[in-house]
PDB file of all heavy atoms in Angstrom:
ATOM      1  N   ALA A   1      -8.282  15.393 -16.147  1.00  0.00           N
ATOM      2  CA  ALA A   1      -7.681  14.883 -14.898  1.00  0.00           C
ATOM      3  C   ALA A   1      -6.828  13.692 -15.192  1.00  0.00           C
ATOM      4  O   ALA A   1      -7.078  12.913 -16.113  1.00  0.00           O
ATOM      5  CB  ALA A   1      -8.769  14.509 -13.923  1.00  0.00           C
ATOM      6  N   ALA A   2      -5.791  13.533 -14.389  1.00  0.00           N
ATOM      7  CA  ALA A   2      -4.835  12.430 -14.524  1.00  0.00           C
ATOM      8  C   ALA A   2      -4.825  11.562 -13.283  1.00  0.00           C
ATOM      9  O   ALA A   2      -4.767  12.095 -12.171  1.00  0.00           O
ATOM     10  CB  ALA A   2      -3.445  12.952 -14.831  1.00  0.00           C
ATOM     11  N   ASP A   3      -4.883  10.252 -13.482  1.00  0.00           N
ATOM     12  CA  ASP A   3      -4.717   9.279 -12.397  1.00  0.00           C
ATOM     13  C   ASP A   3      -3.380   8.636 -12.584  1.00  0.00           C
ATOM     14  O   ASP A   3      -3.260   7.596 -13.262  1.00  0.00           O
ATOM     15  CB  ASP A   3      -5.852   8.287 -12.458  1.00  0.00           C
ATOM     16  CG  ASP A   3      -5.691   7.118 -11.461  1.00  0.00           C
ATOM     17  OD1 ASP A   3      -4.743   7.196 -10.629  1.00  0.00           O
ATOM     18  OD2 ASP A   3      -6.452   6.179 -11.542  1.00  0.00           O
ATOM     19  N   THR A   4      -2.349   9.237 -12.011  1.00  0.00           N
ATOM     20  CA  THR A   4      -0.981   8.754 -12.287  1.00  0.00           C
ATOM     21  C   THR A   4      -0.638   7.464 -11.585  1.00  0.00           C
ATOM     22  O   THR A   4       0.448   6.923 -11.808  1.00  0.00           O
ATOM     23  CB  THR A   4       0.054   9.832 -11.914  1.00  0.00           C
ATOM     24  OG1 THR A   4      -0.047  10.134 -10.550  1.00  0.00           O
ATOM     25  CG2 THR A   4      -0.168  11.088 -12.753  1.00  0.00           C
ATOM     26  N   ALA A   5      -1.552   7.010 -10.720  1.00  0.00           N
ATOM     27  CA  ALA A   5      -1.289   5.748  -9.995  1.00  0.00           C
ATOM     28  C   ALA A   5      -1.886   4.547 -10.747  1.00  0.00           C
ATOM     29  O   ALA A   5      -1.629   3.398 -10.340  1.00  0.00           O
ATOM     30  CB  ALA A   5      -1.900   5.806  -8.625  1.00  0.00           C
ATOM     31  N   SER A   6      -2.617   4.762 -11.827  1.00  0.00           N
ATOM     32  CA  SER A   6      -3.326   3.643 -12.465  1.00  0.00           C
ATOM     33  C   SER A   6      -3.275   3.753 -13.959  1.00  0.00           C
ATOM     34  O   SER A   6      -3.420   4.848 -14.535  1.00  0.00           O
ATOM     35  CB  SER A   6      -4.817   3.650 -12.056  1.00  0.00           C
ATOM     36  OG  SER A   6      -4.962   3.615 -10.664  1.00  0.00           O
ATOM     37  N   CYS A   7      -3.182   2.604 -14.615  1.00  0.00           N
ATOM     38  CA  CYS A   7      -3.428   2.563 -16.057  1.00  0.00           C
ATOM     39  C   CYS A   7      -4.937   2.704 -16.296  1.00  0.00           C
ATOM     40  O   CYS A   7      -5.317   3.346 -17.269  1.00  0.00           O
ATOM     41  CB  CYS A   7      -2.898   1.247 -16.649  1.00  0.00           C
ATOM     42  SG  CYS A   7      -3.172   1.103 -18.401  1.00  0.00           S
ATOM     43  N   ILE A   8      -5.711   2.059 -15.452  1.00  0.00           N
ATOM     44  CA  ILE A   8      -7.165   2.282 -15.431  1.00  0.00           C
ATOM     45  C   ILE A   8      -7.667   1.689 -14.131  1.00  0.00           C
ATOM     46  O   ILE A   8      -7.157   0.685 -13.665  1.00  0.00           O
ATOM     47  CB  ILE A   8      -7.902   1.612 -16.634  1.00  0.00           C
ATOM     48  CG1 ILE A   8      -9.351   2.026 -16.693  1.00  0.00           C
ATOM     49  CG2 ILE A   8      -7.772   0.079 -16.530  1.00  0.00           C
ATOM     50  CD1 ILE A   8      -9.592   3.412 -17.150  1.00  0.00           C
ATOM     51  N   ASN A   9      -8.603   2.351 -13.507  1.00  0.00           N
ATOM     52  CA  ASN A   9      -9.190   1.840 -12.246  1.00  0.00           C
ATOM     53  C   ASN A   9     -10.634   1.517 -12.519  1.00  0.00           C
ATOM     54  O   ASN A   9     -11.472   2.407 -12.560  1.00  0.00           O
ATOM     55  CB  ASN A   9      -9.059   2.885 -11.153  1.00  0.00           C
ATOM     56  CG  ASN A   9      -9.520   2.369  -9.810  1.00  0.00           C
ATOM     57  OD1 ASN A   9     -10.564   1.672  -9.740  1.00  0.00           O
ATOM     58  ND2 ASN A   9      -8.809   2.672  -8.759  1.00  0.00           N
ATOM     59  N   SER A  10     -10.885   0.267 -12.770  1.00  0.00           N
ATOM     60  CA  SER A  10     -12.224  -0.157 -13.195  1.00  0.00           C
ATOM     61  C   SER A  10     -13.271   0.123 -12.107  1.00  0.00           C
ATOM     62  O   SER A  10     -14.438   0.270 -12.438  1.00  0.00           O
ATOM     63  CB  SER A  10     -12.192  -1.642 -13.542  1.00  0.00           C
ATOM     64  OG  SER A  10     -11.322  -1.888 -14.598  1.00  0.00           O
ATOM     65  N   GLY A  11     -12.814   0.181 -10.842  1.00  0.00           N
ATOM     66  CA  GLY A  11     -13.808   0.379  -9.808  1.00  0.00           C
ATOM     67  C   GLY A  11     -13.962   1.802  -9.346  1.00  0.00           C
ATOM     68  O   GLY A  11     -15.051   2.184  -8.864  1.00  0.00           O
ATOM     69  N   GLY A  12     -12.963   2.632  -9.581  1.00  0.00           N
ATOM     70  CA  GLY A  12     -13.011   3.956  -8.989  1.00  0.00           C
ATOM     71  C   GLY A  12     -12.946   5.103  -9.952  1.00  0.00           C
ATOM     72  O   GLY A  12     -12.819   6.254  -9.539  1.00  0.00           O
ATOM     73  N   TYR A  13     -13.079   4.854 -11.245  1.00  0.00           N
ATOM     74  CA  TYR A  13     -12.821   5.921 -12.209  1.00  0.00           C
ATOM     75  C   TYR A  13     -13.793   7.061 -12.138  1.00  0.00           C
ATOM     76  O   TYR A  13     -13.559   8.125 -12.661  1.00  0.00           O
ATOM     77  CB  TYR A  13     -12.734   5.344 -13.630  1.00  0.00           C
ATOM     78  CG  TYR A  13     -14.012   4.662 -14.089  1.00  0.00           C
ATOM     79  CD1 TYR A  13     -15.059   5.387 -14.615  1.00  0.00           C
ATOM     80  CD2 TYR A  13     -14.121   3.281 -14.038  1.00  0.00           C
ATOM     81  CE1 TYR A  13     -16.231   4.763 -15.054  1.00  0.00           C
ATOM     82  CE2 TYR A  13     -15.268   2.647 -14.489  1.00  0.00           C
ATOM     83  CZ  TYR A  13     -16.313   3.406 -14.996  1.00  0.00           C
ATOM     84  OH  TYR A  13     -17.454   2.777 -15.395  1.00  0.00           O
ATOM     85  N   ARG A  14     -14.977   6.868 -11.531  1.00  0.00           N
ATOM     86  CA  ARG A  14     -15.968   7.928 -11.481  1.00  0.00           C
ATOM     87  C   ARG A  14     -15.708   8.917 -10.352  1.00  0.00           C
ATOM     88  O   ARG A  14     -16.313   9.979 -10.301  1.00  0.00           O
ATOM     89  CB  ARG A  14     -17.378   7.310 -11.276  1.00  0.00           C
ATOM     90  CG  ARG A  14     -17.867   6.540 -12.493  1.00  0.00           C
ATOM     91  CD  ARG A  14     -19.250   5.974 -12.229  1.00  0.00           C
ATOM     92  NE  ARG A  14     -19.727   5.223 -13.381  1.00  0.00           N
ATOM     93  CZ  ARG A  14     -20.344   5.755 -14.403  1.00  0.00           C
ATOM     94  NH1 ARG A  14     -20.584   7.060 -14.424  1.00  0.00           N
ATOM     95  NH2 ARG A  14     -20.767   5.007 -15.411  1.00  0.00           N
ATOM     96  N   SER A  15     -14.819   8.567  -9.456  1.00  0.00           N
ATOM     97  CA  SER A  15     -14.629   9.405  -8.271  1.00  0.00           C
ATOM     98  C   SER A  15     -13.542  10.485  -8.517  1.00  0.00           C
ATOM     99  O   SER A  15     -12.488  10.202  -9.075  1.00  0.00           O
ATOM    100  CB  SER A  15     -14.138   8.529  -7.116  1.00  0.00           C
ATOM    101  OG  SER A  15     -13.704   9.351  -6.020  1.00  0.00           O
ATOM    102  N   LEU A  16     -13.879  11.686  -8.073  1.00  0.00           N
ATOM    103  CA  LEU A  16     -12.909  12.776  -8.131  1.00  0.00           C
ATOM    104  C   LEU A  16     -11.602  12.408  -7.455  1.00  0.00           C
ATOM    105  O   LEU A  16     -10.523  12.801  -7.889  1.00  0.00           O
ATOM    106  CB  LEU A  16     -13.460  14.025  -7.449  1.00  0.00           C
ATOM    107  CG  LEU A  16     -14.694  14.719  -8.020  1.00  0.00           C
ATOM    108  CD1 LEU A  16     -15.174  15.752  -7.021  1.00  0.00           C
ATOM    109  CD2 LEU A  16     -14.316  15.347  -9.318  1.00  0.00           C
ATOM    110  N   TYR A  17     -11.714  11.637  -6.360  1.00  0.00           N
ATOM    111  CA  TYR A  17     -10.532  11.382  -5.528  1.00  0.00           C
ATOM    112  C   TYR A  17      -9.591  10.370  -6.135  1.00  0.00           C
ATOM    113  O   TYR A  17      -8.502  10.167  -5.615  1.00  0.00           O
ATOM    114  CB  TYR A  17     -11.020  10.947  -4.133  1.00  0.00           C
ATOM    115  CG  TYR A  17     -11.941  11.977  -3.555  1.00  0.00           C
ATOM    116  CD1 TYR A  17     -13.315  11.748  -3.518  1.00  0.00           C
ATOM    117  CD2 TYR A  17     -11.446  13.163  -3.055  1.00  0.00           C
ATOM    118  CE1 TYR A  17     -14.191  12.725  -2.986  1.00  0.00           C
ATOM    119  CE2 TYR A  17     -12.292  14.124  -2.533  1.00  0.00           C
ATOM    120  CZ  TYR A  17     -13.662  13.885  -2.503  1.00  0.00           C
ATOM    121  OH  TYR A  17     -14.512  14.826  -2.006  1.00  0.00           O
ATOM    122  N   GLN A  18      -9.984   9.783  -7.264  1.00  0.00           N
ATOM    123  CA  GLN A  18      -9.116   8.858  -7.960  1.00  0.00           C
ATOM    124  C   GLN A  18      -7.991   9.588  -8.715  1.00  0.00           C
ATOM    125  O   GLN A  18      -6.987   9.026  -9.048  1.00  0.00           O
ATOM    126  CB  GLN A  18      -9.932   8.019  -8.955  1.00  0.00           C
ATOM    127  CG  GLN A  18      -9.190   6.934  -9.645  1.00  0.00           C
ATOM    128  CD  GLN A  18      -8.697   5.864  -8.672  1.00  0.00           C
ATOM    129  OE1 GLN A  18      -9.364   5.509  -7.692  1.00  0.00           O
ATOM    130  NE2 GLN A  18      -7.520   5.312  -8.945  1.00  0.00           N
ATOM    131  N   TYR A  19      -8.200  10.867  -8.944  1.00  0.00           N
ATOM    132  CA  TYR A  19      -7.306  11.669  -9.824  1.00  0.00           C
ATOM    133  C   TYR A  19      -6.460  12.624  -9.002  1.00  0.00           C
ATOM    134  O   TYR A  19      -6.989  13.336  -8.147  1.00  0.00           O
ATOM    135  CB  TYR A  19      -8.168  12.387 -10.884  1.00  0.00           C
ATOM    136  CG  TYR A  19      -8.968  11.403 -11.678  1.00  0.00           C
ATOM    137  CD1 TYR A  19     -10.220  11.016 -11.272  1.00  0.00           C
ATOM    138  CD2 TYR A  19      -8.416  10.779 -12.822  1.00  0.00           C
ATOM    139  CE1 TYR A  19     -10.944  10.047 -11.982  1.00  0.00           C
ATOM    140  CE2 TYR A  19      -9.152   9.843 -13.517  1.00  0.00           C
ATOM    141  CZ  TYR A  19     -10.389   9.467 -13.097  1.00  0.00           C
ATOM    142  OH  TYR A  19     -11.079   8.522 -13.776  1.00  0.00           O
ATOM    143  N   ASP A  20      -5.169  12.691  -9.330  1.00  0.00           N
ATOM    144  CA  ASP A  20      -4.292  13.488  -8.530  1.00  0.00           C
ATOM    145  C   ASP A  20      -3.785  14.771  -9.238  1.00  0.00           C
ATOM    146  O   ASP A  20      -3.164  15.601  -8.580  1.00  0.00           O
ATOM    147  CB  ASP A  20      -3.085  12.645  -8.059  1.00  0.00           C
ATOM    148  CG  ASP A  20      -2.436  11.801  -9.122  1.00  0.00           C
ATOM    149  OD1 ASP A  20      -2.987  11.711 -10.262  1.00  0.00           O
ATOM    150  OD2 ASP A  20      -1.383  11.232  -8.881  1.00  0.00           O
ATOM    151  N   TYR A  21      -4.098  14.912 -10.485  1.00  0.00           N
ATOM    152  CA  TYR A  21      -3.762  16.173 -11.169  1.00  0.00           C
ATOM    153  C   TYR A  21      -4.932  16.615 -12.015  1.00  0.00           C
ATOM    154  O   TYR A  21      -5.631  15.790 -12.604  1.00  0.00           O
ATOM    155  CB  TYR A  21      -2.527  15.989 -12.059  1.00  0.00           C
ATOM    156  CG  TYR A  21      -1.244  15.726 -11.298  1.00  0.00           C
ATOM    157  CD1 TYR A  21      -0.804  14.443 -11.100  1.00  0.00           C
ATOM    158  CD2 TYR A  21      -0.546  16.797 -10.741  1.00  0.00           C
ATOM    159  CE1 TYR A  21       0.347  14.189 -10.362  1.00  0.00           C
ATOM    160  CE2 TYR A  21       0.612  16.551 -10.010  1.00  0.00           C
ATOM    161  CZ  TYR A  21       1.035  15.253  -9.823  1.00  0.00           C
ATOM    162  OH  TYR A  21       2.208  15.039  -9.127  1.00  0.00           O
ATOM    163  N   TRP A  22      -5.138  17.940 -12.018  1.00  0.00           N
ATOM    164  CA  TRP A  22      -6.269  18.546 -12.715  1.00  0.00           C
ATOM    165  C   TRP A  22      -5.808  19.724 -13.559  1.00  0.00           C
ATOM    166  O   TRP A  22      -4.881  20.457 -13.163  1.00  0.00           O
ATOM    167  CB  TRP A  22      -7.292  19.023 -11.708  1.00  0.00           C
ATOM    168  CG  TRP A  22      -7.968  17.897 -10.968  1.00  0.00           C
ATOM    169  CD1 TRP A  22      -7.476  17.245  -9.868  1.00  0.00           C
ATOM    170  CD2 TRP A  22      -9.196  17.291 -11.284  1.00  0.00           C
ATOM    171  NE1 TRP A  22      -8.369  16.283  -9.473  1.00  0.00           N
ATOM    172  CE2 TRP A  22      -9.441  16.291 -10.325  1.00  0.00           C
ATOM    173  CE3 TRP A  22     -10.164  17.484 -12.277  1.00  0.00           C
ATOM    174  CZ2 TRP A  22     -10.576  15.474 -10.363  1.00  0.00           C
ATOM    175  CZ3 TRP A  22     -11.300  16.719 -12.279  1.00  0.00           C
ATOM    176  CH2 TRP A  22     -11.500  15.720 -11.332  1.00  0.00           C
ATOM    177  N   GLY A  23      -6.509  19.937 -14.648  1.00  0.00           N
ATOM    178  CA  GLY A  23      -6.314  21.163 -15.414  1.00  0.00           C
ATOM    179  C   GLY A  23      -7.113  22.301 -14.859  1.00  0.00           C
ATOM    180  O   GLY A  23      -7.875  22.133 -13.891  1.00  0.00           O
ATOM    181  N   GLN A  24      -7.012  23.417 -15.490  1.00  0.00           N
ATOM    182  CA  GLN A  24      -7.695  24.650 -15.007  1.00  0.00           C
ATOM    183  C   GLN A  24      -9.119  24.752 -15.515  1.00  0.00           C
ATOM    184  O   GLN A  24      -9.906  25.552 -14.996  1.00  0.00           O
ATOM    185  CB  GLN A  24      -6.914  25.872 -15.413  1.00  0.00           C
ATOM    186  CG  GLN A  24      -7.131  26.326 -16.862  1.00  0.00           C
ATOM    187  CD  GLN A  24      -6.481  25.473 -17.889  1.00  0.00           C
ATOM    188  OE1 GLN A  24      -5.688  24.566 -17.577  1.00  0.00           O
ATOM    189  NE2 GLN A  24      -6.784  25.732 -19.144  1.00  0.00           N
ATOM    190  N   GLY A  25      -9.451  23.929 -16.497  1.00  0.00           N
ATOM    191  CA  GLY A  25     -10.829  23.910 -17.015  1.00  0.00           C
ATOM    192  C   GLY A  25     -11.000  24.793 -18.249  1.00  0.00           C
ATOM    193  O   GLY A  25     -10.310  25.763 -18.473  1.00  0.00           O
ATOM    194  N   THR A  26     -11.955  24.388 -19.065  1.00  0.00           N
ATOM    195  CA  THR A  26     -12.324  25.156 -20.264  1.00  0.00           C
ATOM    196  C   THR A  26     -13.836  25.218 -20.346  1.00  0.00           C
ATOM    197  O   THR A  26     -14.510  24.187 -20.157  1.00  0.00           O
ATOM    198  CB  THR A  26     -11.670  24.552 -21.542  1.00  0.00           C
ATOM    199  OG1 THR A  26     -11.946  25.397 -22.623  1.00  0.00           O
ATOM    200  CG2 THR A  26     -12.176  23.149 -21.851  1.00  0.00           C
ATOM    201  N   GLN A  27     -14.360  26.388 -20.642  1.00  0.00           N
ATOM    202  CA  GLN A  27     -15.812  26.601 -20.654  1.00  0.00           C
ATOM    203  C   GLN A  27     -16.435  26.095 -21.950  1.00  0.00           C
ATOM    204  O   GLN A  27     -15.937  26.465 -23.049  1.00  0.00           O
ATOM    205  CB  GLN A  27     -16.132  28.062 -20.453  1.00  0.00           C
ATOM    206  CG  GLN A  27     -17.602  28.409 -20.505  1.00  0.00           C
ATOM    207  CD  GLN A  27     -18.397  27.906 -19.327  1.00  0.00           C
ATOM    208  OE1 GLN A  27     -17.947  28.063 -18.166  1.00  0.00           O
ATOM    209  NE2 GLN A  27     -19.524  27.264 -19.566  1.00  0.00           N
TER     210      GLN A  27
END
């Protein structure tokens, strides 16, 4: 996942909603 709004978000990095782009996943 990519958080294109932040270099790092020390407070919110654990939240799904911090990230605006996602890959398709790998098993």
